């Protein structure tokens, strides 16, 4: 994912102002279906709400769209044997997804991570002839995609499985180890940010990826700028 001039696109004034699979399933202590007032600090940065995603980052429009039916049906088929049989209410895809909401939040996150990470990683320039294109989720599951497409798909699938949007952030980071841009999904559960990454098989605490330096994150139409702490 190449984002030349990314922060410049957000507005020089805004940036300048802001600069002055676990082996044991964990039981959630809070309800991931409820909004959370405070999101855990991501990778040691300070965050600032900077406005509407569509106004500040219009190319991220696909991230604000609802989950498409084709993806929902495909995901339901993939987890049919994993949901409680007594509550599935038959094989209809909506009932399967509704039933899956009764599973432990960590289990739901891992199912979504597994389902999404099976897709091939393909650069936007190869898929669309563009340097940066945020594809709709249905398109991603047909053609594959790059890191923000993975993060968006996970965001929408978890929302369908009962996670409140305030609990999730699509986070754009600089991977300092690989010296390139990347994107992951961070989920707030039990006061900790858990990371769903296209490069990592398991759902892990975000701080395990110390090489990531976030630039911005978004939750639906809310966009946040991340800056390093003052030294």
C-alpha atoms as a PDB file:
ATOM      1  CA  UNK A   1       0.000   0.000   0.000  1.00  0.00           C
ATOM      2  CA  UNK A   2       1.724   3.173  -1.176  1.00  0.00           C
ATOM      3  CA  UNK A   3       0.608   6.485   0.309  1.00  0.00           C
ATOM      4  CA  UNK A   4       2.908   9.183  -0.997  1.00  0.00           C
ATOM      5  CA  UNK A   5       1.985  12.531   0.464  1.00  0.00           C
ATOM      6  CA  UNK A   6      -0.590  10.887   2.728  1.00  0.00           C
ATOM      7  CA  UNK A   7      -0.450  13.357   5.604  1.00  0.00           C
ATOM      8  CA  UNK A   8      -0.337  16.250   3.186  1.00  0.00           C
ATOM      9  CA  UNK A   9      -3.652  15.083   1.782  1.00  0.00           C
ATOM     10  CA  UNK A  10      -5.188  15.442   5.229  1.00  0.00           C
ATOM     11  CA  UNK A  11      -4.335  19.116   5.335  1.00  0.00           C
ATOM     12  CA  UNK A  12      -1.078  20.747   6.373  1.00  0.00           C
ATOM     13  CA  UNK A  13      -2.809  22.886   8.982  1.00  0.00           C
ATOM     14  CA  UNK A  14      -4.347  19.934  10.740  1.00  0.00           C
ATOM     15  CA  UNK A  15      -1.095  17.995  10.856  1.00  0.00           C
ATOM     16  CA  UNK A  16       0.902  20.975  12.090  1.00  0.00           C
ATOM     17  CA  UNK A  17      -1.572  21.635  14.884  1.00  0.00           C
ATOM     18  CA  UNK A  18      -1.560  18.070  16.083  1.00  0.00           C
ATOM     19  CA  UNK A  19       2.203  17.794  15.987  1.00  0.00           C
ATOM     20  CA  UNK A  20       2.680  20.978  18.481  1.00  0.00           C
ATOM     21  CA  UNK A  21      -4.517 -17.114  18.202  1.00  0.00           C
ATOM     22  CA  UNK A  22      -4.083 -17.179  21.906  1.00  0.00           C
ATOM     23  CA  UNK A  23      -3.732 -20.763  23.147  1.00  0.00           C
ATOM     24  CA  UNK A  24      -6.421 -20.190  25.791  1.00  0.00           C
ATOM     25  CA  UNK A  25      -9.633 -18.380  24.928  1.00  0.00           C
ATOM     26  CA  UNK A  26     -10.139 -15.290  27.076  1.00  0.00           C
ATOM     27  CA  UNK A  27     -13.507 -14.485  28.594  1.00  0.00           C
ATOM     28  CA  UNK A  28     -14.520 -10.917  27.892  1.00  0.00           C
ATOM     29  CA  UNK A  29     -15.050  -8.734  30.941  1.00  0.00           C
ATOM     30  CA  UNK A  30     -17.003  -6.172  28.989  1.00  0.00           C
ATOM     31  CA  UNK A  31     -19.671  -6.290  26.308  1.00  0.00           C
ATOM     32  CA  UNK A  32     -18.133  -5.761  22.869  1.00  0.00           C
ATOM     33  CA  UNK A  33     -21.604  -4.952  21.573  1.00  0.00           C
ATOM     34  CA  UNK A  34     -21.626  -1.773  23.641  1.00  0.00           C
ATOM     35  CA  UNK A  35     -19.847   1.484  22.821  1.00  0.00           C
ATOM     36  CA  UNK A  36     -16.632   2.231  24.690  1.00  0.00           C
ATOM     37  CA  UNK A  37     -15.817   5.840  25.551  1.00  0.00           C
ATOM     38  CA  UNK A  38     -12.042   5.481  25.409  1.00  0.00           C
ATOM     39  CA  UNK A  39      -9.956   3.480  22.954  1.00  0.00           C
ATOM     40  CA  UNK A  40      -6.660   2.024  24.238  1.00  0.00           C
ATOM     41  CA  UNK A  41      -3.529   3.926  23.290  1.00  0.00           C
ATOM     42  CA  UNK A  42      -2.240   2.499  20.008  1.00  0.00           C
ATOM     43  CA  UNK A  43       1.469   1.799  19.742  1.00  0.00           C
ATOM     44  CA  UNK A  44       2.304   4.502  22.265  1.00  0.00           C
ATOM     45  CA  UNK A  45       0.878   7.391  20.238  1.00  0.00           C
ATOM     46  CA  UNK A  46      -1.503  10.199  21.125  1.00  0.00           C
ATOM     47  CA  UNK A  47      -4.656  10.373  19.029  1.00  0.00           C
ATOM     48  CA  UNK A  48      -6.729  13.354  17.947  1.00  0.00           C
ATOM     49  CA  UNK A  49     -10.138  13.291  16.311  1.00  0.00           C
ATOM     50  CA  UNK A  50      -9.772  15.290  13.098  1.00  0.00           C
ATOM     51  CA  UNK A  51     -13.141  14.992  11.404  1.00  0.00           C
ATOM     52  CA  UNK A  52     -15.276  13.060   8.987  1.00  0.00           C
ATOM     53  CA  UNK A  53     -13.545  10.237   7.120  1.00  0.00           C
ATOM     54  CA  UNK A  54     -15.299  11.003   3.834  1.00  0.00           C
ATOM     55  CA  UNK A  55     -14.212  14.643   3.954  1.00  0.00           C
ATOM     56  CA  UNK A  56     -10.631  14.112   5.085  1.00  0.00           C
ATOM     57  CA  UNK A  57      -9.920  10.783   3.399  1.00  0.00           C
ATOM     58  CA  UNK A  58     -12.481  10.362   0.589  1.00  0.00           C
ATOM     59  CA  UNK A  59     -10.733   7.361  -0.938  1.00  0.00           C
ATOM     60  CA  UNK A  60     -11.703   5.423   2.201  1.00  0.00           C
ATOM     61  CA  UNK A  61     -15.387   5.589   1.259  1.00  0.00           C
ATOM     62  CA  UNK A  62     -15.601   1.799   0.983  1.00  0.00           C
ATOM     63  CA  UNK A  63     -14.818   1.539   4.692  1.00  0.00           C
ATOM     64  CA  UNK A  64     -18.051   3.383   5.540  1.00  0.00           C
ATOM     65  CA  UNK A  65     -20.302   1.105   3.473  1.00  0.00           C
ATOM     66  CA  UNK A  66     -22.281  -1.769   5.039  1.00  0.00           C
ATOM     67  CA  UNK A  67     -21.314  -5.390   4.605  1.00  0.00           C
ATOM     68  CA  UNK A  68     -22.565  -6.725   1.292  1.00  0.00           C
ATOM     69  CA  UNK A  69     -24.869  -9.730   1.172  1.00  0.00           C
ATOM     70  CA  UNK A  70     -22.570 -11.886  -0.963  1.00  0.00           C
ATOM     71  CA  UNK A  71     -19.748 -11.648   1.596  1.00  0.00           C
ATOM     72  CA  UNK A  72     -22.138 -12.242   4.493  1.00  0.00           C
ATOM     73  CA  UNK A  73     -23.465 -15.419   2.856  1.00  0.00           C
ATOM     74  CA  UNK A  74     -19.986 -16.716   2.074  1.00  0.00           C
ATOM     75  CA  UNK A  75     -18.826 -16.113   5.639  1.00  0.00           C
ATOM     76  CA  UNK A  76     -21.953 -17.770   7.045  1.00  0.00           C
ATOM     77  CA  UNK A  77     -21.250 -20.881   4.981  1.00  0.00           C
ATOM     78  CA  UNK A  78     -17.692 -21.000   6.258  1.00  0.00           C
ATOM     79  CA  UNK A  79     -18.707 -20.932   9.947  1.00  0.00           C
ATOM     80  CA  UNK A  80     -21.865 -23.038   9.756  1.00  0.00           C
ATOM     81  CA  UNK A  81     -20.271 -25.957  11.605  1.00  0.00           C
ATOM     82  CA  UNK A  82     -18.811 -23.673  14.284  1.00  0.00           C
ATOM     83  CA  UNK A  83     -21.943 -21.980  15.599  1.00  0.00           C
ATOM     84  CA  UNK A  84     -24.121 -23.482  18.349  1.00  0.00           C
ATOM     85  CA  UNK A  85     -26.372 -25.977  16.533  1.00  0.00           C
ATOM     86  CA  UNK A  86     -29.199 -25.446  19.020  1.00  0.00           C
ATOM     87  CA  UNK A  87     -29.444 -21.756  18.187  1.00  0.00           C
ATOM     88  CA  UNK A  88     -28.574 -21.725  14.498  1.00  0.00           C
ATOM     89  CA  UNK A  89     -32.236 -22.142  13.576  1.00  0.00           C
ATOM     90  CA  UNK A  90     -31.506 -23.822  10.286  1.00  0.00           C
ATOM     91  CA  UNK A  91     -29.081 -23.067   7.469  1.00  0.00           C
ATOM     92  CA  UNK A  92     -30.262 -19.584   6.467  1.00  0.00           C
ATOM     93  CA  UNK A  93     -27.214 -17.345   6.432  1.00  0.00           C
ATOM     94  CA  UNK A  94     -28.715 -14.560   8.558  1.00  0.00           C
ATOM     95  CA  UNK A  95     -29.640 -17.012  11.323  1.00  0.00           C
ATOM     96  CA  UNK A  96     -26.133 -18.464  11.247  1.00  0.00           C
ATOM     97  CA  UNK A  97     -24.555 -15.036  11.693  1.00  0.00           C
ATOM     98  CA  UNK A  98     -27.022 -14.098  14.416  1.00  0.00           C
ATOM     99  CA  UNK A  99     -26.197 -17.325  16.236  1.00  0.00           C
ATOM    100  CA  UNK A 100     -22.456 -16.668  15.949  1.00  0.00           C
ATOM    101  CA  UNK A 101     -22.909 -13.552  18.081  1.00  0.00           C
ATOM    102  CA  UNK A 102     -23.262 -15.853  21.096  1.00  0.00           C
ATOM    103  CA  UNK A 103     -19.684 -17.090  20.700  1.00  0.00           C
ATOM    104  CA  UNK A 104     -16.855 -15.731  22.809  1.00  0.00           C
ATOM    105  CA  UNK A 105     -15.548 -12.432  21.334  1.00  0.00           C
ATOM    106  CA  UNK A 106     -12.059 -13.853  20.911  1.00  0.00           C
ATOM    107  CA  UNK A 107     -13.482 -16.798  19.010  1.00  0.00           C
ATOM    108  CA  UNK A 108     -15.394 -14.454  16.733  1.00  0.00           C
ATOM    109  CA  UNK A 109     -12.282 -12.387  16.061  1.00  0.00           C
ATOM    110  CA  UNK A 110     -10.253 -15.477  15.212  1.00  0.00           C
ATOM    111  CA  UNK A 111     -12.933 -16.793  12.838  1.00  0.00           C
ATOM    112  CA  UNK A 112     -13.013 -13.477  10.996  1.00  0.00           C
ATOM    113  CA  UNK A 113      -9.222 -13.290  10.862  1.00  0.00           C
ATOM    114  CA  UNK A 114      -8.970 -16.828   9.474  1.00  0.00           C
ATOM    115  CA  UNK A 115     -11.704 -16.293   6.893  1.00  0.00           C
ATOM    116  CA  UNK A 116     -10.230 -13.045   5.593  1.00  0.00           C
ATOM    117  CA  UNK A 117      -6.558 -13.980   5.668  1.00  0.00           C
ATOM    118  CA  UNK A 118      -7.161 -16.857   3.242  1.00  0.00           C
ATOM    119  CA  UNK A 119      -7.439 -14.289   0.446  1.00  0.00           C
ATOM    120  CA  UNK A 120      -4.385 -13.502  -1.700  1.00  0.00           C
ATOM    121  CA  UNK A 121      -2.514 -10.264  -1.123  1.00  0.00           C
ATOM    122  CA  UNK A 122      -2.427  -8.289  -4.374  1.00  0.00           C
ATOM    123  CA  UNK A 123      -1.196  -4.709  -4.805  1.00  0.00           C
ATOM    124  CA  UNK A 124      -3.673  -2.125  -6.092  1.00  0.00           C
ATOM    125  CA  UNK A 125      -1.438  -1.371  -9.059  1.00  0.00           C
ATOM    126  CA  UNK A 126      -1.811  -4.987 -10.188  1.00  0.00           C
ATOM    127  CA  UNK A 127      -5.551  -5.215  -9.510  1.00  0.00           C
ATOM    128  CA  UNK A 128      -6.702  -1.815 -10.732  1.00  0.00           C
ATOM    129  CA  UNK A 129      -3.736  -0.020 -12.270  1.00  0.00           C
ATOM    130  CA  UNK A 130      -3.870   2.480  -9.389  1.00  0.00           C
ATOM    131  CA  UNK A 131      -1.387   3.174  -6.614  1.00  0.00           C
ATOM    132  CA  UNK A 132      -4.039   3.265  -3.902  1.00  0.00           C
ATOM    133  CA  UNK A 133      -7.605   2.023  -4.226  1.00  0.00           C
ATOM    134  CA  UNK A 134      -9.938   1.041  -1.369  1.00  0.00           C
ATOM    135  CA  UNK A 135     -12.079  -1.698  -2.873  1.00  0.00           C
ATOM    136  CA  UNK A 136     -15.549  -2.619  -1.725  1.00  0.00           C
ATOM    137  CA  UNK A 137     -15.547  -5.803   0.318  1.00  0.00           C
ATOM    138  CA  UNK A 138     -17.393  -7.899  -2.279  1.00  0.00           C
ATOM    139  CA  UNK A 139     -14.734  -6.985  -4.837  1.00  0.00           C
ATOM    140  CA  UNK A 140     -11.943  -7.866  -2.413  1.00  0.00           C
ATOM    141  CA  UNK A 141     -13.348 -11.362  -1.907  1.00  0.00           C
ATOM    142  CA  UNK A 142     -13.405 -11.856  -5.672  1.00  0.00           C
ATOM    143  CA  UNK A 143     -10.017 -10.416  -6.626  1.00  0.00           C
ATOM    144  CA  UNK A 144      -7.939 -10.331  -3.464  1.00  0.00           C
ATOM    145  CA  UNK A 145      -6.470  -7.052  -2.320  1.00  0.00           C
ATOM    146  CA  UNK A 146      -3.954  -5.203  -0.225  1.00  0.00           C
ATOM    147  CA  UNK A 147      -3.764  -4.537   3.501  1.00  0.00           C
ATOM    148  CA  UNK A 148      -6.523  -1.947   3.931  1.00  0.00           C
ATOM    149  CA  UNK A 149      -8.920  -4.257   2.053  1.00  0.00           C
ATOM    150  CA  UNK A 150      -8.180  -7.001   4.591  1.00  0.00           C
ATOM    151  CA  UNK A 151      -8.712  -4.588   7.501  1.00  0.00           C
ATOM    152  CA  UNK A 152     -11.987  -3.256   6.065  1.00  0.00           C
ATOM    153  CA  UNK A 153     -13.369  -6.753   5.529  1.00  0.00           C
ATOM    154  CA  UNK A 154     -12.597  -7.712   9.110  1.00  0.00           C
ATOM    155  CA  UNK A 155     -14.166  -4.512  10.414  1.00  0.00           C
ATOM    156  CA  UNK A 156     -17.432  -5.168   8.573  1.00  0.00           C
ATOM    157  CA  UNK A 157     -17.596  -8.862   9.423  1.00  0.00           C
ATOM    158  CA  UNK A 158     -17.033  -8.219  13.128  1.00  0.00           C
ATOM    159  CA  UNK A 159     -19.693  -5.531  13.078  1.00  0.00           C
ATOM    160  CA  UNK A 160     -22.089  -8.143  11.662  1.00  0.00           C
ATOM    161  CA  UNK A 161     -21.074 -10.475  14.486  1.00  0.00           C
ATOM    162  CA  UNK A 162     -22.103  -7.947  17.115  1.00  0.00           C
ATOM    163  CA  UNK A 163     -19.022  -5.780  17.695  1.00  0.00           C
ATOM    164  CA  UNK A 164     -19.841  -2.096  18.183  1.00  0.00           C
ATOM    165  CA  UNK A 165     -18.093   0.164  15.662  1.00  0.00           C
ATOM    166  CA  UNK A 166     -16.584   2.209  18.506  1.00  0.00           C
ATOM    167  CA  UNK A 167     -14.684  -0.926  19.505  1.00  0.00           C
ATOM    168  CA  UNK A 168     -12.826  -1.139  16.200  1.00  0.00           C
ATOM    169  CA  UNK A 169     -10.278   0.922  14.290  1.00  0.00           C
ATOM    170  CA  UNK A 170      -8.828   0.449  10.832  1.00  0.00           C
ATOM    171  CA  UNK A 171      -5.285   1.639  11.562  1.00  0.00           C
ATOM    172  CA  UNK A 172      -2.875   2.851   8.896  1.00  0.00           C
ATOM    173  CA  UNK A 173       0.690   2.334  10.056  1.00  0.00           C
ATOM    174  CA  UNK A 174       4.267   2.601   8.886  1.00  0.00           C
ATOM    175  CA  UNK A 175       5.923  -0.792   9.218  1.00  0.00           C
ATOM    176  CA  UNK A 176       9.393   0.348  10.228  1.00  0.00           C
ATOM    177  CA  UNK A 177      10.848  -3.132   9.850  1.00  0.00           C
ATOM    178  CA  UNK A 178       9.727  -3.497   6.221  1.00  0.00           C
ATOM    179  CA  UNK A 179       9.948   0.241   5.513  1.00  0.00           C
ATOM    180  CA  UNK A 180       6.508   0.456   3.958  1.00  0.00           C
ATOM    181  CA  UNK A 181       2.900   1.419   4.662  1.00  0.00           C
ATOM    182  CA  UNK A 182       0.515  -1.142   6.105  1.00  0.00           C
ATOM    183  CA  UNK A 183      -2.976  -1.391   7.618  1.00  0.00           C
ATOM    184  CA  UNK A 184      -4.425  -3.538  10.396  1.00  0.00           C
ATOM    185  CA  UNK A 185      -7.643  -3.768  12.382  1.00  0.00           C
ATOM    186  CA  UNK A 186      -7.469  -2.996  16.102  1.00  0.00           C
ATOM    187  CA  UNK A 187     -10.288  -4.122  18.413  1.00  0.00           C
ATOM    188  CA  UNK A 188     -10.876  -2.819  21.930  1.00  0.00           C
ATOM    189  CA  UNK A 189     -11.691  -5.628  24.360  1.00  0.00           C
ATOM    190  CA  UNK A 190     -11.093  -5.735  28.112  1.00  0.00           C
ATOM    191  CA  UNK A 191      -9.231  -2.435  27.949  1.00  0.00           C
ATOM    192  CA  UNK A 192      -6.665  -3.785  25.487  1.00  0.00           C
ATOM    193  CA  UNK A 193      -6.314  -3.304  21.743  1.00  0.00           C
ATOM    194  CA  UNK A 194      -6.195  -6.639  19.909  1.00  0.00           C
ATOM    195  CA  UNK A 195      -4.729  -6.712  16.400  1.00  0.00           C
ATOM    196  CA  UNK A 196      -6.067  -8.546  13.358  1.00  0.00           C
ATOM    197  CA  UNK A 197      -3.293  -8.397  10.794  1.00  0.00           C
ATOM    198  CA  UNK A 198      -3.115  -9.862   7.283  1.00  0.00           C
ATOM    199  CA  UNK A 199       0.489 -10.848   8.080  1.00  0.00           C
ATOM    200  CA  UNK A 200      -0.291 -12.644  11.345  1.00  0.00           C
ATOM    201  CA  UNK A 201      -2.237 -15.884  11.730  1.00  0.00           C
ATOM    202  CA  UNK A 202      -3.508 -15.271  15.265  1.00  0.00           C
ATOM    203  CA  UNK A 203      -5.323 -12.397  16.947  1.00  0.00           C
ATOM    204  CA  UNK A 204      -2.651 -10.813  19.157  1.00  0.00           C
ATOM    205  CA  UNK A 205      -2.232  -7.786  21.450  1.00  0.00           C
ATOM    206  CA  UNK A 206      -1.313  -4.799  19.323  1.00  0.00           C
ATOM    207  CA  UNK A 207       1.861  -4.052  21.270  1.00  0.00           C
ATOM    208  CA  UNK A 208       3.426  -7.265  19.951  1.00  0.00           C
ATOM    209  CA  UNK A 209       3.990  -5.356  16.698  1.00  0.00           C
ATOM    210  CA  UNK A 210       6.410  -2.788  18.073  1.00  0.00           C
ATOM    211  CA  UNK A 211       7.593  -2.019  14.539  1.00  0.00           C
ATOM    212  CA  UNK A 212       4.278  -0.355  13.639  1.00  0.00           C
ATOM    213  CA  UNK A 213       3.934   3.421  13.873  1.00  0.00           C
ATOM    214  CA  UNK A 214       0.321   4.525  13.282  1.00  0.00           C
ATOM    215  CA  UNK A 215      -0.432   7.613  11.219  1.00  0.00           C
ATOM    216  CA  UNK A 216      -4.232   7.686  11.173  1.00  0.00           C
ATOM    217  CA  UNK A 217      -7.076   5.386  12.152  1.00  0.00           C
ATOM    218  CA  UNK A 218     -10.758   5.356  11.315  1.00  0.00           C
ATOM    219  CA  UNK A 219     -13.931   3.932  12.746  1.00  0.00           C
ATOM    220  CA  UNK A 220     -16.658   4.357  10.171  1.00  0.00           C
ATOM    221  CA  UNK A 221     -16.975   8.076   9.519  1.00  0.00           C
ATOM    222  CA  UNK A 222     -14.708   9.122  12.401  1.00  0.00           C
ATOM    223  CA  UNK A 223     -11.068   9.806  11.534  1.00  0.00           C
ATOM    224  CA  UNK A 224      -8.188  10.126  14.004  1.00  0.00           C
ATOM    225  CA  UNK A 225      -4.632  11.391  13.657  1.00  0.00           C
ATOM    226  CA  UNK A 226      -1.878   9.659  15.640  1.00  0.00           C
ATOM    227  CA  UNK A 227       1.299  11.430  16.755  1.00  0.00           C
ATOM    228  CA  UNK A 228       4.250  10.116  18.786  1.00  0.00           C
ATOM    229  CA  UNK A 229       4.429  11.226  22.427  1.00  0.00           C
ATOM    230  CA  UNK A 230       6.573  14.246  23.167  1.00  0.00           C
ATOM    231  CA  UNK A 231      10.129  13.346  24.045  1.00  0.00           C
END
